[in-house]
Amino acid sequence: MTPREILNFLGVAEKLKSVLRHSWTSTGRQESVAEHSWRLCVFAWLLKNRFPDINMNKVIRMCLFHDLGEALTGDIPSFEKTGSDENTEKLAISRILDMLDDDLKAELAALFREMEEQKTREARLYKTLDKLEAVIQHNEAPLETWIPLEYELNLTYADDYVKGDPFLEEFREQMRKDILEKIAGGK
């Protein structure tokens, strides 16, 4: 890729710093997509020794790029996202991938296919961590930023994804305890 092509791609990726998510930070400001993706990568890295038989470098790449389409579409919370929204995001990803040289385009296209198909352990782990990170962020945010739906959703979101893995089940249960404590404390 030429320097101009790299700068153009980075310019699109930079937009994720300004695309705000439904989530709020612990300081009471809206979280950006870039911030979510960054912490999701950190989360995956922290678990690399917990899952030695999973290619965590691939999981981290999935975490890094999973929301790239939102640079063009904006963020839509999962509980509001429709099939039409998903198609729009796929088209945005295609447009962004077209900015890359053939090798990088093929690499990222394969990664997006794998994430969408959810057939590999890496793709399923990335998706689980993505959902868990969203709940962690909601629980760190001030309670007044929660919408009514989130009081129940934060207690159950990602439950189906952690089933069958004792560590992830324990992790989710700790999160649930933290959420109930937060709600009881009212902050």
Protein backbone atom coordinates (compact mmCIF):
# COMPACT_ATOMS: atom_id res chain seq x y z
CA MET A 1 0.00 0.00 0.00
CA THR A 2 1.16 3.53 -0.70
CA PRO A 3 1.54 6.06 2.08
CA ARG A 4 -1.63 7.81 0.76
CA GLU A 5 -3.62 4.56 0.87
CA ILE A 6 -2.45 3.84 4.42
CA LEU A 7 -3.35 7.39 5.49
CA ASN A 8 -6.80 7.04 3.90
CA PHE A 9 -7.47 3.77 5.73
CA LEU A 10 -6.24 5.22 9.02
CA GLY A 11 -8.52 8.21 8.41
CA VAL A 12 -11.53 5.90 8.31
CA ALA A 13 -10.33 4.00 11.40
CA GLU A 14 -9.89 7.34 13.21
CA LYS A 15 -13.63 7.95 12.95
CA LEU A 16 -14.15 5.19 15.52
CA LYS A 17 -12.69 7.58 18.10
CA SER A 18 -15.66 9.89 17.51
CA VAL A 19 -18.44 7.33 17.00
CA LEU A 20 -20.20 7.11 20.34
CA ARG A 21 -21.71 3.95 21.74
CA HIS A 22 -24.78 3.55 23.87
CA SER A 23 -22.45 2.87 26.82
CA TRP A 24 -21.12 5.45 29.23
CA THR A 25 -17.76 5.52 30.99
CA SER A 26 -17.23 5.53 34.75
CA THR A 27 -16.73 9.32 34.54
CA GLY A 28 -20.17 9.87 33.00
CA ARG A 29 -19.31 10.50 29.34
CA GLN A 30 -20.29 8.38 26.38
CA GLU A 31 -17.81 5.73 25.35
CA SER A 32 -16.45 5.67 21.80
CA VAL A 33 -16.32 2.58 19.61
CA ALA A 34 -12.51 2.85 19.59
CA GLU A 35 -12.41 2.77 23.39
CA HIS A 36 -14.62 -0.32 23.47
CA SER A 37 -12.47 -2.09 20.87
CA TRP A 38 -9.26 -1.19 22.69
CA ARG A 39 -10.46 -2.55 26.02
CA LEU A 40 -11.88 -5.63 24.34
CA CYS A 41 -8.35 -6.33 23.02
CA VAL A 42 -6.94 -5.88 26.53
CA PHE A 43 -9.61 -8.25 27.89
CA ALA A 44 -8.66 -10.93 25.33
CA TRP A 45 -4.97 -10.46 26.09
CA LEU A 46 -5.62 -10.93 29.82
CA LEU A 47 -7.24 -14.29 29.10
CA LYS A 48 -4.57 -15.66 26.76
CA ASN A 49 -3.17 -18.06 29.38
CA ARG A 50 -6.68 -19.17 30.33
CA PHE A 51 -7.27 -20.42 26.77
CA PRO A 52 -3.91 -21.84 25.63
CA ASP A 53 -5.49 -23.93 22.86
CA ILE A 54 -7.12 -20.90 21.22
CA ASN A 55 -5.25 -18.59 18.86
CA MET A 56 -5.53 -15.47 21.01
CA ASN A 57 -3.66 -13.35 18.47
CA LYS A 58 -6.53 -14.05 16.08
CA VAL A 59 -9.08 -13.29 18.83
CA ILE A 60 -7.33 -9.97 19.49
CA ARG A 61 -7.44 -9.14 15.75
CA MET A 62 -11.17 -9.91 15.79
CA CYS A 63 -11.62 -7.63 18.79
CA LEU A 64 -9.58 -4.92 17.09
CA PHE A 65 -11.54 -4.88 13.81
CA HIS A 66 -15.01 -6.19 14.72
CA ASP A 67 -16.72 -2.78 14.76
CA LEU A 68 -14.78 -1.23 11.85
CA GLY A 69 -17.95 -0.82 9.77
CA GLU A 70 -19.32 1.51 12.44
CA ALA A 71 -16.81 4.12 11.23
CA LEU A 72 -19.27 4.63 8.36
CA THR A 73 -22.59 3.51 9.88
CA GLY A 74 -22.38 4.70 13.46
CA ASP A 75 -23.20 2.48 16.41
CA ILE A 76 -26.56 0.81 16.95
CA PRO A 77 -27.04 -0.97 20.30
CA SER A 78 -27.45 -4.73 19.87
CA PHE A 79 -30.93 -4.61 21.38
CA GLU A 80 -32.02 -2.21 18.60
CA LYS A 81 -30.04 -3.64 15.64
CA THR A 82 -32.14 -5.04 12.78
CA GLY A 83 -31.26 -7.27 9.84
CA SER A 84 -31.27 -4.18 7.66
CA ASP A 85 -28.74 -2.53 9.99
CA GLU A 86 -26.53 -5.60 9.78
CA ASN A 87 -26.66 -5.53 5.97
CA THR A 88 -25.77 -1.83 5.97
CA GLU A 89 -22.79 -2.57 8.20
CA LYS A 90 -21.64 -5.42 5.91
CA LEU A 91 -21.73 -3.04 2.95
CA ALA A 92 -19.72 -0.50 4.94
CA ILE A 93 -17.13 -3.16 5.77
CA SER A 94 -16.88 -4.07 2.08
CA ARG A 95 -16.28 -0.42 1.20
CA ILE A 96 -13.58 -0.15 3.84
CA LEU A 97 -11.91 -3.41 2.81
CA ASP A 98 -11.77 -2.15 -0.77
CA MET A 99 -9.29 0.46 0.48
CA LEU A 100 -6.72 -2.25 1.25
CA ASP A 101 -4.26 -4.04 -0.98
CA ASP A 102 -5.24 -7.56 -2.03
CA ASP A 103 -3.37 -9.42 0.73
CA LEU A 104 -4.68 -7.27 3.59
CA LYS A 105 -8.17 -7.23 2.09
CA ALA A 106 -8.19 -11.04 1.86
CA GLU A 107 -6.92 -11.35 5.45
CA LEU A 108 -9.56 -9.04 6.91
CA ALA A 109 -12.36 -10.41 4.71
CA ALA A 110 -11.57 -13.91 5.99
CA LEU A 111 -11.56 -12.61 9.57
CA PHE A 112 -14.96 -10.95 9.13
CA ARG A 113 -16.37 -14.15 7.56
CA GLU A 114 -15.09 -16.18 10.48
CA MET A 115 -16.60 -13.75 12.98
CA GLU A 116 -19.94 -13.82 11.19
CA GLU A 117 -20.09 -17.61 10.81
CA GLN A 118 -19.22 -18.21 14.49
CA LYS A 119 -17.92 -21.72 13.72
CA THR A 120 -14.44 -21.47 15.26
CA ARG A 121 -13.53 -21.32 18.92
CA GLU A 122 -11.75 -18.02 18.24
CA ALA A 123 -14.86 -16.42 16.75
CA ARG A 124 -17.07 -17.67 19.58
CA LEU A 125 -14.64 -16.44 22.23
CA TYR A 126 -14.33 -13.01 20.61
CA LYS A 127 -18.15 -12.72 20.50
CA THR A 128 -18.46 -13.79 24.13
CA LEU A 129 -15.86 -11.27 25.27
CA ASP A 130 -17.52 -8.53 23.19
CA LYS A 131 -20.79 -9.12 25.00
CA LEU A 132 -19.15 -9.40 28.40
CA GLU A 133 -17.18 -6.18 27.89
CA ALA A 134 -20.39 -4.31 27.12
CA VAL A 135 -21.90 -5.47 30.42
CA ILE A 136 -18.71 -4.60 32.32
CA GLN A 137 -18.83 -1.09 30.84
CA HIS A 138 -22.48 -0.65 31.73
CA ASN A 139 -21.78 -1.71 35.28
CA GLU A 140 -18.93 0.80 35.55
CA ALA A 141 -21.14 3.62 34.27
CA PRO A 142 -23.27 5.71 36.62
CA LEU A 143 -26.63 4.05 37.22
CA GLU A 144 -28.47 7.16 35.99
CA THR A 145 -27.11 6.45 32.48
CA TRP A 146 -28.98 3.14 32.34
CA ILE A 147 -32.25 2.88 30.46
CA PRO A 148 -35.01 0.75 32.08
CA LEU A 149 -34.33 -2.21 29.78
CA GLU A 150 -30.76 -2.46 31.05
CA TYR A 151 -31.68 -3.36 34.61
CA GLU A 152 -32.75 -6.82 33.39
CA LEU A 153 -30.55 -7.01 30.29
CA ASN A 154 -27.32 -6.48 32.23
CA LEU A 155 -28.23 -9.43 34.46
CA THR A 156 -28.74 -11.84 31.54
CA TYR A 157 -26.76 -10.51 28.55
CA ALA A 158 -24.11 -13.00 27.37
CA ASP A 159 -25.42 -15.84 29.59
CA ASP A 160 -25.91 -18.14 26.58
CA TYR A 161 -22.40 -17.37 25.34
CA VAL A 162 -20.57 -18.38 28.53
CA LYS A 163 -22.40 -21.70 28.99
CA GLY A 164 -20.12 -24.71 28.98
CA ASP A 165 -16.95 -22.91 30.05
CA PRO A 166 -16.53 -23.00 33.85
CA PHE A 167 -14.24 -19.97 33.97
CA LEU A 168 -16.50 -17.79 31.80
CA GLU A 169 -19.55 -18.95 33.76
CA GLU A 170 -17.80 -17.96 37.01
CA PHE A 171 -16.73 -14.66 35.45
CA ARG A 172 -20.31 -13.90 34.36
CA GLU A 173 -21.64 -14.81 37.80
CA GLN A 174 -19.18 -12.37 39.43
CA MET A 175 -20.40 -9.69 37.02
CA ARG A 176 -24.02 -10.46 37.98
CA LYS A 177 -23.15 -10.05 41.66
CA ASP A 178 -21.49 -6.71 40.89
CA ILE A 179 -24.59 -5.57 38.97
CA LEU A 180 -26.97 -6.53 41.77
CA GLU A 181 -24.72 -4.74 44.26
CA LYS A 182 -24.71 -1.65 42.05
CA ILE A 183 -28.49 -1.66 41.69
CA ALA A 184 -28.96 -2.18 45.43
CA GLY A 185 -26.58 0.68 46.14
CA GLY A 186 -28.32 2.94 43.65
CA LYS A 187 -25.14 4.34 42.06
